[in-house]
Amino acid sequence: MRVSVTQTGGPLGVPMRFALDSTNLSEQDAADLVQRSGAVAPAPEPKRSYPAEYGYTVRVEPDDGPPVEASYTDGTMPADVRGLVRLVQEHPRQTP
């Protein structure tokens, strides 16, 4: 499974990309990634509350099914998806 996050917005507006692949993780971290990725359901990009509000596109590519993609802003992201985004952005094995 591969999970990627593209973060846009902010004061500079420069997109930042992060990805995490379960094949590069420990068994425990891979299971955590799979479990957390279940929170992502297809969703179109929401309107931003203000121009520099951060936006996130989360793409989950399971090993055995079609990819799922959803977009959020800081204000619309559910807590469980926020945990997944943090995991992908902060994991030492993430790749840009």
PDB file of N, CA and C in Angstrom:
ATOM      1  N   MET A   1       0.845  -1.174   0.000  1.00  0.00           N
ATOM      2  CA  MET A   1       0.000   0.000   0.000  1.00  0.00           C
ATOM      3  C   MET A   1       0.890   1.237   0.000  1.00  0.00           C
ATOM      4  N   ARG A   2       0.437   2.227  -0.736  1.00  0.00           N
ATOM      5  CA  ARG A   2       1.143   3.502  -0.782  1.00  0.00           C
ATOM      6  C   ARG A   2       0.137   4.604  -0.464  1.00  0.00           C
ATOM      7  N   VAL A   3       0.538   5.524   0.401  1.00  0.00           N
ATOM      8  CA  VAL A   3      -0.298   6.674   0.741  1.00  0.00           C
ATOM      9  C   VAL A   3       0.516   7.927   0.446  1.00  0.00           C
ATOM     10  N   SER A   4      -0.069   8.834  -0.309  1.00  0.00           N
ATOM     11  CA  SER A   4       0.613  10.093  -0.598  1.00  0.00           C
ATOM     12  C   SER A   4      -0.261  11.264  -0.158  1.00  0.00           C
ATOM     13  N   VAL A   5       0.409  12.326   0.256  1.00  0.00           N
ATOM     14  CA  VAL A   5      -0.254  13.549   0.699  1.00  0.00           C
ATOM     15  C   VAL A   5       0.379  14.710  -0.049  1.00  0.00           C
ATOM     16  N   THR A   6      -0.447  15.533  -0.670  1.00  0.00           N
ATOM     17  CA  THR A   6       0.020  16.764  -1.282  1.00  0.00           C
ATOM     18  C   THR A   6      -0.594  17.908  -0.493  1.00  0.00           C
ATOM     19  N   GLN A   7       0.263  18.745   0.082  1.00  0.00           N
ATOM     20  CA  GLN A   7      -0.178  19.889   0.880  1.00  0.00           C
ATOM     21  C   GLN A   7       0.009  21.152   0.046  1.00  0.00           C
ATOM     22  N   THR A   8      -1.048  21.955  -0.056  1.00  0.00           N
ATOM     23  CA  THR A   8      -0.987  23.200  -0.809  1.00  0.00           C
ATOM     24  C   THR A   8      -1.436  24.347   0.081  1.00  0.00           C
ATOM     25  N   GLY A   9      -1.219  25.562  -0.389  1.00  0.00           N
ATOM     26  CA  GLY A   9      -1.651  26.743   0.356  1.00  0.00           C
ATOM     27  C   GLY A   9      -0.544  27.277   1.238  1.00  0.00           C
ATOM     28  N   GLY A  10      -0.936  27.946   2.277  1.00  0.00           N
ATOM     29  CA  GLY A  10       0.034  28.563   3.171  1.00  0.00           C
ATOM     30  C   GLY A  10       0.510  29.891   2.617  1.00  0.00           C
ATOM     31  N   PRO A  11       1.379  30.572   3.349  1.00  0.00           N
ATOM     32  CA  PRO A  11       1.813  31.906   2.939  1.00  0.00           C
ATOM     33  C   PRO A  11       2.551  31.921   1.595  1.00  0.00           C
ATOM     34  N   LEU A  12       3.313  30.878   1.284  1.00  0.00           N
ATOM     35  CA  LEU A  12       4.062  30.861   0.030  1.00  0.00           C
ATOM     36  C   LEU A  12       3.326  30.147  -1.090  1.00  0.00           C
ATOM     37  N   GLY A  13       2.385  29.287  -0.755  1.00  0.00           N
ATOM     38  CA  GLY A  13       1.622  28.568  -1.763  1.00  0.00           C
ATOM     39  C   GLY A  13       2.396  27.486  -2.495  1.00  0.00           C
ATOM     40  N   VAL A  14       3.529  27.075  -1.955  1.00  0.00           N
ATOM     41  CA  VAL A  14       4.360  26.053  -2.603  1.00  0.00           C
ATOM     42  C   VAL A  14       3.842  24.664  -2.212  1.00  0.00           C
ATOM     43  N   PRO A  15       3.479  23.816  -3.183  1.00  0.00           N
ATOM     44  CA  PRO A  15       3.007  22.474  -2.832  1.00  0.00           C
ATOM     45  C   PRO A  15       4.130  21.624  -2.236  1.00  0.00           C
ATOM     46  N   MET A  16       3.774  20.831  -1.249  1.00  0.00           N
ATOM     47  CA  MET A  16       4.713  19.884  -0.638  1.00  0.00           C
ATOM     48  C   MET A  16       4.110  18.493  -0.770  1.00  0.00           C
ATOM     49  N   ARG A  17       4.927  17.530  -1.186  1.00  0.00           N
ATOM     50  CA  ARG A  17       4.440  16.166  -1.389  1.00  0.00           C
ATOM     51  C   ARG A  17       5.176  15.211  -0.459  1.00  0.00           C
ATOM     52  N   PHE A  18       4.414  14.281   0.089  1.00  0.00           N
ATOM     53  CA  PHE A  18       4.942  13.262   0.987  1.00  0.00           C
ATOM     54  C   PHE A  18       4.324  11.931   0.596  1.00  0.00           C
ATOM     55  N   ALA A  19       5.059  10.850   0.743  1.00  0.00           N
ATOM     56  CA  ALA A  19       4.516   9.521   0.447  1.00  0.00           C
ATOM     57  C   ALA A  19       5.106   8.511   1.420  1.00  0.00           C
ATOM     58  N   LEU A  20       4.340   7.487   1.671  1.00  0.00           N
ATOM     59  CA  LEU A  20       4.769   6.406   2.551  1.00  0.00           C
ATOM     60  C   LEU A  20       4.306   5.103   1.927  1.00  0.00           C
ATOM     61  N   ASP A  21       5.233   4.165   1.767  1.00  0.00           N
ATOM     62  CA  ASP A  21       4.953   2.878   1.139  1.00  0.00           C
ATOM     63  C   ASP A  21       5.086   1.794   2.204  1.00  0.00           C
ATOM     64  N   SER A  22       4.069   0.984   2.342  1.00  0.00           N
ATOM     65  CA  SER A  22       4.078  -0.040   3.394  1.00  0.00           C
ATOM     66  C   SER A  22       5.199  -1.065   3.222  1.00  0.00           C
ATOM     67  N   THR A  23       5.687  -1.239   2.002  1.00  0.00           N
ATOM     68  CA  THR A  23       6.764  -2.215   1.782  1.00  0.00           C
ATOM     69  C   THR A  23       8.078  -1.759   2.402  1.00  0.00           C
ATOM     70  N   ASN A  24       8.203  -0.475   2.732  1.00  0.00           N
ATOM     71  CA  ASN A  24       9.419   0.061   3.347  1.00  0.00           C
ATOM     72  C   ASN A  24       9.301   0.198   4.863  1.00  0.00           C
ATOM     73  N   LEU A  25       8.224  -0.323   5.431  1.00  0.00           N
ATOM     74  CA  LEU A  25       7.952  -0.124   6.852  1.00  0.00           C
ATOM     75  C   LEU A  25       8.064  -1.429   7.631  1.00  0.00           C
ATOM     76  N   SER A  26       8.193  -1.270   8.948  1.00  0.00           N
ATOM     77  CA  SER A  26       8.125  -2.442   9.813  1.00  0.00           C
ATOM     78  C   SER A  26       6.714  -3.012   9.735  1.00  0.00           C
ATOM     79  N   GLU A  27       6.547  -4.227  10.185  1.00  0.00           N
ATOM     80  CA  GLU A  27       5.227  -4.870  10.145  1.00  0.00           C
ATOM     81  C   GLU A  27       4.205  -4.062  10.935  1.00  0.00           C
ATOM     82  N   GLN A  28       4.600  -3.562  12.088  1.00  0.00           N
ATOM     83  CA  GLN A  28       3.701  -2.779  12.937  1.00  0.00           C
ATOM     84  C   GLN A  28       3.327  -1.444  12.272  1.00  0.00           C
ATOM     85  N   ASP A  29       4.318  -0.735  11.716  1.00  0.00           N
ATOM     86  CA  ASP A  29       4.035   0.537  11.052  1.00  0.00           C
ATOM     87  C   ASP A  29       3.182   0.331   9.799  1.00  0.00           C
ATOM     88  N   ALA A  30       3.432  -0.742   9.063  1.00  0.00           N
ATOM     89  CA  ALA A  30       2.632  -1.043   7.867  1.00  0.00           C
ATOM     90  C   ALA A  30       1.177  -1.308   8.260  1.00  0.00           C
ATOM     91  N   ALA A  31       0.966  -2.053   9.330  1.00  0.00           N
ATOM     92  CA  ALA A  31      -0.394  -2.331   9.795  1.00  0.00           C
ATOM     93  C   ALA A  31      -1.078  -1.043  10.240  1.00  0.00           C
ATOM     94  N   ASP A  32      -0.342  -0.149  10.886  1.00  0.00           N
ATOM     95  CA  ASP A  32      -0.883   1.146  11.312  1.00  0.00           C
ATOM     96  C   ASP A  32      -1.285   1.979  10.094  1.00  0.00           C
ATOM     97  N   LEU A  33      -0.449   1.986   9.070  1.00  0.00           N
ATOM     98  CA  LEU A  33      -0.751   2.723   7.845  1.00  0.00           C
ATOM     99  C   LEU A  33      -2.023   2.191   7.189  1.00  0.00           C
ATOM    100  N   VAL A  34      -2.129   0.881   7.084  1.00  0.00           N
ATOM    101  CA  VAL A  34      -3.316   0.262   6.476  1.00  0.00           C
ATOM    102  C   VAL A  34      -4.564   0.599   7.291  1.00  0.00           C
ATOM    103  N   GLN A  35      -4.475   0.495   8.604  1.00  0.00           N
ATOM    104  CA  GLN A  35      -5.622   0.769   9.470  1.00  0.00           C
ATOM    105  C   GLN A  35      -6.063   2.226   9.339  1.00  0.00           C
ATOM    106  N   ARG A  36      -5.129   3.157   9.406  1.00  0.00           N
ATOM    107  CA  ARG A  36      -5.460   4.585   9.330  1.00  0.00           C
ATOM    108  C   ARG A  36      -5.991   4.980   7.953  1.00  0.00           C
ATOM    109  N   SER A  37      -5.509   4.333   6.900  1.00  0.00           N
ATOM    110  CA  SER A  37      -5.923   4.711   5.556  1.00  0.00           C
ATOM    111  C   SER A  37      -7.393   4.379   5.297  1.00  0.00           C
ATOM    112  N   GLY A  38      -7.979   3.522   6.112  1.00  0.00           N
ATOM    113  CA  GLY A  38      -9.397   3.193   5.975  1.00  0.00           C
ATOM    114  C   GLY A  38     -10.314   4.376   6.212  1.00  0.00           C
ATOM    115  N   ALA A  39      -9.791   5.452   6.798  1.00  0.00           N
ATOM    116  CA  ALA A  39     -10.601   6.640   7.070  1.00  0.00           C
ATOM    117  C   ALA A  39     -10.818   7.497   5.831  1.00  0.00           C
ATOM    118  N   VAL A  40     -10.047   7.261   4.780  1.00  0.00           N
ATOM    119  CA  VAL A  40     -10.126   8.093   3.570  1.00  0.00           C
ATOM    120  C   VAL A  40     -11.230   7.564   2.656  1.00  0.00           C
ATOM    121  N   ALA A  41     -12.166   8.439   2.348  1.00  0.00           N
ATOM    122  CA  ALA A  41     -13.247   8.114   1.408  1.00  0.00           C
ATOM    123  C   ALA A  41     -13.221   9.172   0.310  1.00  0.00           C
ATOM    124  N   PRO A  42     -13.595   8.816  -0.917  1.00  0.00           N
ATOM    125  CA  PRO A  42     -13.543   9.794  -2.008  1.00  0.00           C
ATOM    126  C   PRO A  42     -14.265  11.084  -1.637  1.00  0.00           C
ATOM    127  N   ALA A  43     -13.592  12.208  -1.898  1.00  0.00           N
ATOM    128  CA  ALA A  43     -14.178  13.509  -1.588  1.00  0.00           C
ATOM    129  C   ALA A  43     -13.572  14.564  -2.498  1.00  0.00           C
ATOM    130  N   PRO A  44     -14.416  15.446  -3.061  1.00  0.00           N
ATOM    131  CA  PRO A  44     -13.895  16.522  -3.909  1.00  0.00           C
ATOM    132  C   PRO A  44     -13.245  17.612  -3.054  1.00  0.00           C
ATOM    133  N   GLU A  45     -12.501  18.479  -3.703  1.00  0.00           N
ATOM    134  CA  GLU A  45     -11.816  19.560  -2.986  1.00  0.00           C
ATOM    135  C   GLU A  45     -12.834  20.552  -2.440  1.00  0.00           C
ATOM    136  N   PRO A  46     -12.790  20.816  -1.125  1.00  0.00           N
ATOM    137  CA  PRO A  46     -13.724  21.775  -0.538  1.00  0.00           C
ATOM    138  C   PRO A  46     -13.248  23.213  -0.777  1.00  0.00           C
ATOM    139  N   LYS A  47     -14.162  24.153  -0.615  1.00  0.00           N
ATOM    140  CA  LYS A  47     -13.795  25.570  -0.715  1.00  0.00           C
ATOM    141  C   LYS A  47     -12.945  25.945   0.495  1.00  0.00           C
ATOM    142  N   ARG A  48     -11.978  26.789   0.259  1.00  0.00           N
ATOM    143  CA  ARG A  48     -11.124  27.260   1.355  1.00  0.00           C
ATOM    144  C   ARG A  48     -11.798  28.431   2.068  1.00  0.00           C
ATOM    145  N   SER A  49     -11.625  28.466   3.386  1.00  0.00           N
ATOM    146  CA  SER A  49     -12.213  29.535   4.196  1.00  0.00           C
ATOM    147  C   SER A  49     -11.505  30.866   3.974  1.00  0.00           C
ATOM    148  N   TYR A  50     -10.224  30.807   3.657  1.00  0.00           N
ATOM    149  CA  TYR A  50      -9.431  32.001   3.373  1.00  0.00           C
ATOM    150  C   TYR A  50      -8.332  31.589   2.388  1.00  0.00           C
ATOM    151  N   PRO A  51      -7.795  32.513   1.627  1.00  0.00           N
ATOM    152  CA  PRO A  51      -6.888  32.153   0.527  1.00  0.00           C
ATOM    153  C   PRO A  51      -5.678  31.308   0.904  1.00  0.00           C
ATOM    154  N   ALA A  52      -5.068  31.535   2.046  1.00  0.00           N
ATOM    155  CA  ALA A  52      -3.847  30.807   2.408  1.00  0.00           C
ATOM    156  C   ALA A  52      -4.121  29.544   3.235  1.00  0.00           C
ATOM    157  N   GLU A  53      -5.391  29.172   3.395  1.00  0.00           N
ATOM    158  CA  GLU A  53      -5.696  27.964   4.183  1.00  0.00           C
ATOM    159  C   GLU A  53      -5.053  26.752   3.527  1.00  0.00           C
ATOM    160  N   TYR A  54      -4.458  25.916   4.350  1.00  0.00           N
ATOM    161  CA  TYR A  54      -3.820  24.711   3.813  1.00  0.00           C
ATOM    162  C   TYR A  54      -4.866  23.753   3.260  1.00  0.00           C
ATOM    163  N   GLY A  55      -4.532  23.160   2.134  1.00  0.00           N
ATOM    164  CA  GLY A  55      -5.348  22.122   1.538  1.00  0.00           C
ATOM    165  C   GLY A  55      -4.515  20.846   1.432  1.00  0.00           C
ATOM    166  N   TYR A  56      -5.177  19.706   1.491  1.00  0.00           N
ATOM    167  CA  TYR A  56      -4.496  18.419   1.459  1.00  0.00           C
ATOM    168  C   TYR A  56      -5.231  17.484   0.508  1.00  0.00           C
ATOM    169  N   THR A  57      -4.493  16.859  -0.380  1.00  0.00           N
ATOM    170  CA  THR A  57      -5.048  15.789  -1.194  1.00  0.00           C
ATOM    171  C   THR A  57      -4.386  14.506  -0.731  1.00  0.00           C
ATOM    172  N   VAL A  58      -5.195  13.563  -0.309  1.00  0.00           N
ATOM    173  CA  VAL A  58      -4.705  12.286   0.215  1.00  0.00           C
ATOM    174  C   VAL A  58      -5.084  11.206  -0.791  1.00  0.00           C
ATOM    175  N   ARG A  59      -4.096  10.451  -1.219  1.00  0.00           N
ATOM    176  CA  ARG A  59      -4.317   9.362  -2.190  1.00  0.00           C
ATOM    177  C   ARG A  59      -3.846   8.056  -1.566  1.00  0.00           C
ATOM    178  N   VAL A  60      -4.750   7.093  -1.500  1.00  0.00           N
ATOM    179  CA  VAL A  60      -4.449   5.772  -0.954  1.00  0.00           C
ATOM    180  C   VAL A  60      -4.454   4.783  -2.116  1.00  0.00           C
ATOM    181  N   GLU A  61      -3.343   4.088  -2.296  1.00  0.00           N
ATOM    182  CA  GLU A  61      -3.218   3.097  -3.358  1.00  0.00           C
ATOM    183  C   GLU A  61      -3.019   1.721  -2.716  1.00  0.00           C
ATOM    184  N   PRO A  62      -4.123   0.997  -2.482  1.00  0.00           N
ATOM    185  CA  PRO A  62      -4.006  -0.323  -1.870  1.00  0.00           C
ATOM    186  C   PRO A  62      -3.371  -1.321  -2.831  1.00  0.00           C
ATOM    187  N   ASP A  63      -2.812  -2.368  -2.285  1.00  0.00           N
ATOM    188  CA  ASP A  63      -2.194  -3.410  -3.102  1.00  0.00           C
ATOM    189  C   ASP A  63      -3.225  -4.201  -3.894  1.00  0.00           C
ATOM    190  N   ASP A  64      -4.456  -4.239  -3.406  1.00  0.00           N
ATOM    191  CA  ASP A  64      -5.456  -5.127  -4.004  1.00  0.00           C
ATOM    192  C   ASP A  64      -6.752  -4.435  -4.424  1.00  0.00           C
ATOM    193  N   GLY A  65      -6.652  -3.182  -4.838  1.00  0.00           N
ATOM    194  CA  GLY A  65      -7.876  -2.502  -5.243  1.00  0.00           C
ATOM    195  C   GLY A  65      -7.571  -1.171  -5.888  1.00  0.00           C
ATOM    196  N   PRO A  66      -8.634  -0.481  -6.311  1.00  0.00           N
ATOM    197  CA  PRO A  66      -8.444   0.810  -6.963  1.00  0.00           C
ATOM    198  C   PRO A  66      -8.036   1.885  -5.954  1.00  0.00           C
ATOM    199  N   PRO A  67      -7.338   2.905  -6.425  1.00  0.00           N
ATOM    200  CA  PRO A  67      -6.944   3.991  -5.521  1.00  0.00           C
ATOM    201  C   PRO A  67      -8.150   4.812  -5.069  1.00  0.00           C
ATOM    202  N   VAL A  68      -7.996   5.449  -3.922  1.00  0.00           N
ATOM    203  CA  VAL A  68      -9.014   6.332  -3.366  1.00  0.00           C
ATOM    204  C   VAL A  68      -8.335   7.679  -3.136  1.00  0.00           C
ATOM    205  N   GLU A  69      -9.004   8.754  -3.544  1.00  0.00           N
ATOM    206  CA  GLU A  69      -8.432  10.081  -3.371  1.00  0.00           C
ATOM    207  C   GLU A  69      -9.469  10.999  -2.750  1.00  0.00           C
ATOM    208  N   ALA A  70      -9.019  11.820  -1.810  1.00  0.00           N
ATOM    209  CA  ALA A  70      -9.902  12.770  -1.148  1.00  0.00           C
ATOM    210  C   ALA A  70      -9.138  14.055  -0.896  1.00  0.00           C
ATOM    211  N   SER A  71      -9.870  15.162  -0.880  1.00  0.00           N
ATOM    212  CA  SER A  71      -9.258  16.465  -0.614  1.00  0.00           C
ATOM    213  C   SER A  71      -9.923  17.100   0.599  1.00  0.00           C
ATOM    214  N   TYR A  72      -9.112  17.806   1.369  1.00  0.00           N
ATOM    215  CA  TYR A  72      -9.566  18.438   2.602  1.00  0.00           C
ATOM    216  C   TYR A  72      -8.871  19.778   2.762  1.00  0.00           C
ATOM    217  N   THR A  73      -9.390  20.588   3.658  1.00  0.00           N
ATOM    218  CA  THR A  73      -8.687  21.769   4.141  1.00  0.00           C
ATOM    219  C   THR A  73      -8.446  21.545   5.628  1.00  0.00           C
ATOM    220  N   ASP A  74      -7.676  22.446   6.239  1.00  0.00           N
ATOM    221  CA  ASP A  74      -7.471  22.315   7.682  1.00  0.00           C
ATOM    222  C   ASP A  74      -8.801  22.278   8.429  1.00  0.00           C
ATOM    223  N   GLY A  75      -9.764  23.047   7.955  1.00  0.00           N
ATOM    224  CA  GLY A  75     -11.054  23.134   8.633  1.00  0.00           C
ATOM    225  C   GLY A  75     -12.004  21.992   8.357  1.00  0.00           C
ATOM    226  N   THR A  76     -11.770  21.221   7.289  1.00  0.00           N
ATOM    227  CA  THR A  76     -12.716  20.143   6.945  1.00  0.00           C
ATOM    228  C   THR A  76     -12.149  18.743   7.166  1.00  0.00           C
ATOM    229  N   MET A  77     -10.890  18.645   7.543  1.00  0.00           N
ATOM    230  CA  MET A  77     -10.267  17.327   7.675  1.00  0.00           C
ATOM    231  C   MET A  77     -10.717  16.637   8.971  1.00  0.00           C
ATOM    232  N   PRO A  78     -11.276  15.425   8.858  1.00  0.00           N
ATOM    233  CA  PRO A  78     -11.648  14.670  10.065  1.00  0.00           C
ATOM    234  C   PRO A  78     -10.397  14.292  10.874  1.00  0.00           C
ATOM    235  N   ALA A  79     -10.578  14.114  12.156  1.00  0.00           N
ATOM    236  CA  ALA A  79      -9.460  13.820  13.060  1.00  0.00           C
ATOM    237  C   ALA A  79      -8.717  12.544  12.660  1.00  0.00           C
ATOM    238  N   ASP A  80      -9.445  11.508  12.238  1.00  0.00           N
ATOM    239  CA  ASP A  80      -8.762  10.266  11.887  1.00  0.00           C
ATOM    240  C   ASP A  80      -7.923  10.412  10.616  1.00  0.00           C
ATOM    241  N   VAL A  81      -8.378  11.235   9.681  1.00  0.00           N
ATOM    242  CA  VAL A  81      -7.582  11.497   8.476  1.00  0.00           C
ATOM    243  C   VAL A  81      -6.376  12.365   8.837  1.00  0.00           C
ATOM    244  N   ARG A  82      -6.571  13.306   9.743  1.00  0.00           N
ATOM    245  CA  ARG A  82      -5.466  14.153  10.199  1.00  0.00           C
ATOM    246  C   ARG A  82      -4.344  13.293  10.797  1.00  0.00           C
ATOM    247  N   GLY A  83      -4.707  12.260  11.529  1.00  0.00           N
ATOM    248  CA  GLY A  83      -3.709  11.342  12.077  1.00  0.00           C
ATOM    249  C   GLY A  83      -2.935  10.632  10.980  1.00  0.00           C
ATOM    250  N   LEU A  84      -3.620  10.230   9.917  1.00  0.00           N
ATOM    251  CA  LEU A  84      -2.960   9.594   8.774  1.00  0.00           C
ATOM    252  C   LEU A  84      -2.018  10.582   8.095  1.00  0.00           C
ATOM    253  N   VAL A  85      -2.474  11.808   7.876  1.00  0.00           N
ATOM    254  CA  VAL A  85      -1.641  12.823   7.229  1.00  0.00           C
ATOM    255  C   VAL A  85      -0.383  13.074   8.049  1.00  0.00           C
ATOM    256  N   ARG A  86      -0.536  13.198   9.359  1.00  0.00           N
ATOM    257  CA  ARG A  86       0.628  13.400  10.231  1.00  0.00           C
ATOM    258  C   ARG A  86       1.603  12.229  10.137  1.00  0.00           C
ATOM    259  N   LEU A  87       1.066  11.023  10.135  1.00  0.00           N
ATOM    260  CA  LEU A  87       1.905   9.833  10.030  1.00  0.00           C
ATOM    261  C   LEU A  87       2.736   9.882   8.746  1.00  0.00           C
ATOM    262  N   VAL A  88       2.100  10.184   7.635  1.00  0.00           N
ATOM    263  CA  VAL A  88       2.805  10.223   6.346  1.00  0.00           C
ATOM    264  C   VAL A  88       3.828  11.350   6.323  1.00  0.00           C
ATOM    265  N   GLN A  89       3.464  12.527   6.817  1.00  0.00           N
ATOM    266  CA  GLN A  89       4.374  13.669   6.775  1.00  0.00           C
ATOM    267  C   GLN A  89       5.558  13.530   7.727  1.00  0.00           C
ATOM    268  N   GLU A  90       5.365  12.871   8.856  1.00  0.00           N
ATOM    269  CA  GLU A  90       6.401  12.859   9.892  1.00  0.00           C
ATOM    270  C   GLU A  90       7.178  11.556  10.001  1.00  0.00           C
ATOM    271  N   HIS A  91       6.756  10.523   9.315  1.00  0.00           N
ATOM    272  CA  HIS A  91       7.445   9.223   9.435  1.00  0.00           C
ATOM    273  C   HIS A  91       8.852   9.330   8.868  1.00  0.00           C
ATOM    274  N   PRO A  92       9.850   8.769   9.547  1.00  0.00           N
ATOM    275  CA  PRO A  92      11.222   8.873   9.046  1.00  0.00           C
ATOM    276  C   PRO A  92      11.440   8.202   7.695  1.00  0.00           C
ATOM    277  N   ARG A  93      10.568   7.301   7.298  1.00  0.00           N
ATOM    278  CA  ARG A  93      10.740   6.629   6.002  1.00  0.00           C
ATOM    279  C   ARG A  93       9.903   7.226   4.894  1.00  0.00           C
ATOM    280  N   GLN A  94       9.276   8.385   5.159  1.00  0.00           N
ATOM    281  CA  GLN A  94       8.486   9.025   4.099  1.00  0.00           C
ATOM    282  C   GLN A  94       9.412   9.583   3.047  1.00  0.00           C
ATOM    283  N   THR A  95       8.871   9.687   1.842  1.00  0.00           N
ATOM    284  CA  THR A  95       9.634  10.238   0.724  1.00  0.00           C
ATOM    285  C   THR A  95       8.888  11.416   0.150  1.00  0.00           C
ATOM    286  N   PRO A  96       9.603  12.413  -0.326  1.00  0.00           N
ATOM    287  CA  PRO A  96       8.922  13.573  -0.915  1.00  0.00           C
ATOM    288  C   PRO A  96       8.339  13.241  -2.279  1.00  0.00           C
TER     289      PRO A  96
END
